[in-house]
N, C-alpha and C. Protein backbone atom coordinates (compact mmCIF):
# COMPACT_ATOMS: atom_id res chain seq x y z
N UNK A 1 181.16 -58.81 119.96
CA UNK A 1 182.12 -57.73 119.96
C UNK A 1 182.97 -57.80 121.23
N UNK A 2 182.35 -58.12 122.34
CA UNK A 2 183.13 -58.21 123.58
C UNK A 2 184.18 -59.31 123.49
N UNK A 3 183.81 -60.45 122.94
CA UNK A 3 184.77 -61.54 122.81
C UNK A 3 185.91 -61.15 121.88
N UNK A 4 185.60 -60.51 120.78
CA UNK A 4 186.62 -60.15 119.80
C UNK A 4 187.51 -59.02 120.30
N UNK A 5 186.99 -58.18 121.18
CA UNK A 5 187.78 -57.05 121.67
C UNK A 5 188.99 -57.50 122.47
N UNK A 6 188.91 -58.66 123.10
CA UNK A 6 190.02 -59.13 123.91
C UNK A 6 190.87 -60.18 123.18
N UNK A 7 190.53 -60.48 121.94
CA UNK A 7 191.26 -61.50 121.17
C UNK A 7 192.30 -60.83 120.28
N UNK A 8 193.27 -61.62 119.83
CA UNK A 8 194.21 -61.11 118.84
C UNK A 8 193.50 -61.05 117.48
N UNK A 9 194.19 -60.53 116.47
CA UNK A 9 193.55 -60.34 115.16
C UNK A 9 193.00 -61.65 114.59
N UNK A 10 193.78 -62.69 114.61
CA UNK A 10 193.34 -63.97 114.05
C UNK A 10 192.13 -64.51 114.83
N UNK A 11 192.19 -64.38 116.14
CA UNK A 11 191.07 -64.84 116.96
C UNK A 11 189.82 -64.02 116.73
N UNK A 12 190.00 -62.70 116.59
CA UNK A 12 188.86 -61.82 116.33
C UNK A 12 188.22 -62.14 114.99
N UNK A 13 189.04 -62.40 113.98
CA UNK A 13 188.50 -62.75 112.66
C UNK A 13 187.74 -64.07 112.71
N UNK A 14 188.22 -65.00 113.49
CA UNK A 14 187.53 -66.29 113.65
C UNK A 14 186.17 -66.10 114.32
N UNK A 15 186.15 -65.27 115.36
CA UNK A 15 184.88 -64.97 116.06
C UNK A 15 183.90 -64.29 115.10
N UNK A 16 184.41 -63.32 114.32
CA UNK A 16 183.56 -62.63 113.34
C UNK A 16 183.03 -63.60 112.30
N UNK A 17 183.86 -64.48 111.83
CA UNK A 17 183.47 -65.47 110.82
C UNK A 17 182.34 -66.36 111.35
N UNK A 18 182.49 -66.87 112.55
CA UNK A 18 181.46 -67.72 113.14
C UNK A 18 180.14 -66.97 113.31
N UNK A 19 180.22 -65.71 113.74
CA UNK A 19 179.02 -64.90 113.90
C UNK A 19 178.34 -64.62 112.57
N UNK A 20 179.14 -64.33 111.55
CA UNK A 20 178.58 -64.07 110.22
C UNK A 20 177.88 -65.30 109.67
N UNK A 21 178.52 -66.45 109.78
CA UNK A 21 177.92 -67.69 109.27
C UNK A 21 176.60 -67.96 109.98
N UNK A 22 176.57 -67.74 111.28
CA UNK A 22 175.33 -67.95 112.04
C UNK A 22 174.22 -67.02 111.54
N UNK A 23 174.56 -65.74 111.33
CA UNK A 23 173.57 -64.77 110.84
C UNK A 23 173.14 -65.05 109.41
N UNK A 24 174.08 -65.44 108.56
CA UNK A 24 173.80 -65.64 107.14
C UNK A 24 172.81 -66.77 106.90
N UNK A 25 172.69 -67.68 107.84
CA UNK A 25 171.79 -68.82 107.68
C UNK A 25 170.39 -68.56 108.21
N UNK A 26 170.11 -67.34 108.68
CA UNK A 26 168.80 -67.05 109.27
C UNK A 26 167.77 -66.69 108.20
N UNK A 27 166.52 -66.81 108.57
CA UNK A 27 165.43 -66.44 107.68
C UNK A 27 165.45 -64.93 107.41
N UNK A 28 165.82 -64.16 108.40
CA UNK A 28 165.90 -62.70 108.23
C UNK A 28 166.91 -62.35 107.15
N UNK A 29 168.07 -62.99 107.17
CA UNK A 29 169.09 -62.73 106.15
C UNK A 29 168.56 -63.09 104.76
N UNK A 30 167.88 -64.21 104.66
CA UNK A 30 167.31 -64.63 103.36
C UNK A 30 166.30 -63.60 102.87
N UNK A 31 165.47 -63.08 103.76
CA UNK A 31 164.48 -62.07 103.38
C UNK A 31 165.14 -60.76 102.95
N UNK A 32 166.19 -60.36 103.66
CA UNK A 32 166.88 -59.13 103.29
C UNK A 32 167.58 -59.27 101.94
N UNK A 33 168.14 -60.42 101.68
CA UNK A 33 168.76 -60.67 100.37
C UNK A 33 167.72 -60.61 99.26
N UNK A 34 166.55 -61.21 99.51
CA UNK A 34 165.49 -61.18 98.51
C UNK A 34 165.01 -59.75 98.26
N UNK A 35 164.90 -58.95 99.32
CA UNK A 35 164.50 -57.55 99.15
C UNK A 35 165.53 -56.80 98.31
N UNK A 36 166.81 -57.05 98.57
CA UNK A 36 167.87 -56.40 97.79
C UNK A 36 167.77 -56.78 96.32
N UNK A 37 167.59 -58.07 96.04
CA UNK A 37 167.49 -58.52 94.65
C UNK A 37 166.24 -57.96 93.97
N UNK A 38 165.13 -57.89 94.70
CA UNK A 38 163.91 -57.31 94.14
C UNK A 38 164.11 -55.84 93.79
N UNK A 39 164.90 -55.15 94.60
CA UNK A 39 165.17 -53.74 94.35
C UNK A 39 166.08 -53.56 93.14
N UNK A 40 167.03 -54.45 92.96
CA UNK A 40 167.98 -54.33 91.85
C UNK A 40 167.43 -54.82 90.52
N UNK A 41 166.55 -55.79 90.56
CA UNK A 41 166.01 -56.38 89.33
C UNK A 41 164.48 -56.42 89.40
N UNK A 42 163.84 -55.23 89.42
CA UNK A 42 162.39 -55.21 89.67
C UNK A 42 161.52 -55.53 88.46
N UNK A 43 162.05 -55.42 87.26
CA UNK A 43 161.18 -55.50 86.09
C UNK A 43 161.43 -56.75 85.27
N UNK A 44 160.33 -57.35 84.86
CA UNK A 44 160.43 -58.48 83.93
C UNK A 44 159.11 -58.58 83.17
N UNK A 45 159.14 -59.19 82.04
CA UNK A 45 157.93 -59.44 81.28
C UNK A 45 157.14 -58.20 80.92
N UNK A 46 155.90 -58.13 81.39
CA UNK A 46 154.98 -57.05 81.04
C UNK A 46 155.50 -55.68 81.47
N UNK A 47 156.18 -55.63 82.61
CA UNK A 47 156.70 -54.35 83.09
C UNK A 47 157.73 -53.78 82.12
N UNK A 48 158.58 -54.62 81.55
CA UNK A 48 159.57 -54.14 80.57
C UNK A 48 158.88 -53.57 79.33
N UNK A 49 157.79 -54.20 78.89
CA UNK A 49 157.06 -53.70 77.72
C UNK A 49 156.45 -52.34 78.02
N UNK A 50 155.91 -52.17 79.23
CA UNK A 50 155.32 -50.89 79.59
C UNK A 50 156.38 -49.80 79.62
N UNK A 51 157.54 -50.11 80.14
CA UNK A 51 158.62 -49.12 80.18
C UNK A 51 159.08 -48.78 78.77
N UNK A 52 159.18 -49.77 77.90
CA UNK A 52 159.60 -49.54 76.53
C UNK A 52 158.61 -48.65 75.78
N UNK A 53 157.33 -48.76 76.12
CA UNK A 53 156.29 -47.98 75.46
C UNK A 53 155.99 -46.65 76.16
N UNK A 54 156.70 -46.35 77.24
CA UNK A 54 156.45 -45.12 77.99
C UNK A 54 156.86 -43.91 77.17
N UNK A 55 156.15 -42.83 77.35
CA UNK A 55 156.47 -41.59 76.66
C UNK A 55 157.61 -40.85 77.32
N UNK A 56 158.04 -39.78 76.69
CA UNK A 56 159.12 -38.97 77.23
C UNK A 56 158.62 -38.14 78.40
N UNK A 57 159.43 -37.98 79.42
CA UNK A 57 159.08 -37.17 80.59
C UNK A 57 159.56 -35.76 80.33
N UNK A 58 158.62 -34.79 80.40
CA UNK A 58 158.95 -33.40 80.11
C UNK A 58 158.94 -32.51 81.33
N UNK A 59 158.31 -32.95 82.41
CA UNK A 59 158.29 -32.16 83.64
C UNK A 59 158.03 -33.10 84.82
N UNK A 60 158.32 -32.59 86.00
CA UNK A 60 158.12 -33.39 87.21
C UNK A 60 157.47 -32.51 88.26
N UNK A 61 156.65 -33.12 89.08
CA UNK A 61 156.05 -32.42 90.21
C UNK A 61 156.54 -33.05 91.50
N UNK A 62 156.90 -32.23 92.46
CA UNK A 62 157.43 -32.74 93.73
C UNK A 62 156.61 -32.14 94.86
N UNK A 63 156.05 -33.00 95.71
CA UNK A 63 155.35 -32.56 96.91
C UNK A 63 156.26 -32.83 98.10
N UNK A 64 156.56 -31.81 98.85
CA UNK A 64 157.42 -31.97 100.02
C UNK A 64 158.87 -31.69 99.69
N UNK A 65 159.59 -31.27 100.72
CA UNK A 65 161.00 -30.94 100.53
C UNK A 65 161.86 -31.67 101.55
N UNK A 66 161.41 -32.86 101.93
CA UNK A 66 162.21 -33.68 102.84
C UNK A 66 163.33 -34.36 102.08
N UNK A 67 163.84 -35.41 102.64
CA UNK A 67 164.95 -36.13 102.01
C UNK A 67 164.54 -36.64 100.64
N UNK A 68 163.40 -37.30 100.55
CA UNK A 68 162.98 -37.88 99.28
C UNK A 68 162.61 -36.80 98.27
N UNK A 69 161.78 -35.84 98.68
CA UNK A 69 161.38 -34.78 97.77
C UNK A 69 162.56 -33.95 97.30
N UNK A 70 163.48 -33.67 98.22
CA UNK A 70 164.67 -32.92 97.85
C UNK A 70 165.53 -33.69 96.86
N UNK A 71 165.62 -35.00 97.05
CA UNK A 71 166.39 -35.84 96.13
C UNK A 71 165.77 -35.88 94.74
N UNK A 72 164.44 -35.98 94.69
CA UNK A 72 163.74 -35.99 93.40
C UNK A 72 163.91 -34.66 92.70
N UNK A 73 163.77 -33.56 93.43
CA UNK A 73 163.93 -32.23 92.84
C UNK A 73 165.37 -32.04 92.34
N UNK A 74 166.33 -32.51 93.12
CA UNK A 74 167.74 -32.39 92.72
C UNK A 74 168.01 -33.17 91.44
N UNK A 75 167.56 -34.41 91.38
CA UNK A 75 167.79 -35.23 90.19
C UNK A 75 167.07 -34.64 88.97
N UNK A 76 165.88 -34.12 89.18
CA UNK A 76 165.15 -33.49 88.07
C UNK A 76 165.93 -32.29 87.54
N UNK A 77 166.41 -31.44 88.46
CA UNK A 77 167.17 -30.28 88.04
C UNK A 77 168.48 -30.68 87.36
N UNK A 78 169.11 -31.71 87.86
CA UNK A 78 170.35 -32.19 87.28
C UNK A 78 170.17 -32.66 85.84
N UNK A 79 169.00 -33.24 85.56
CA UNK A 79 168.69 -33.73 84.21
C UNK A 79 168.06 -32.64 83.34
N UNK A 80 167.89 -31.41 83.88
CA UNK A 80 167.31 -30.33 83.12
C UNK A 80 165.81 -30.41 82.99
N UNK A 81 165.17 -31.15 83.88
CA UNK A 81 163.73 -31.35 83.86
C UNK A 81 163.05 -30.28 84.70
N UNK A 82 162.18 -29.46 84.11
CA UNK A 82 161.50 -28.45 84.94
C UNK A 82 160.53 -29.11 85.92
N UNK A 83 160.48 -28.57 87.12
CA UNK A 83 159.55 -29.11 88.10
C UNK A 83 158.73 -28.00 88.72
């Protein structure tokens, strides 16, 4: 950032590009990409069959009212699901 702050736009973009390429080739970047893909495409095979055979959800229980609990309660209420 310090180098790019004193460069013109083209120079700053070049510095950013070199930094991105360096980061993109790291093991950490590969692991983060894999985590993202696992989150987006979590189900295959047996898991899909279990979801297909799942029953209808008629109510939800929420423990806690933090960020996660509040989000679950909000989504349940939005879908008309009593909790």
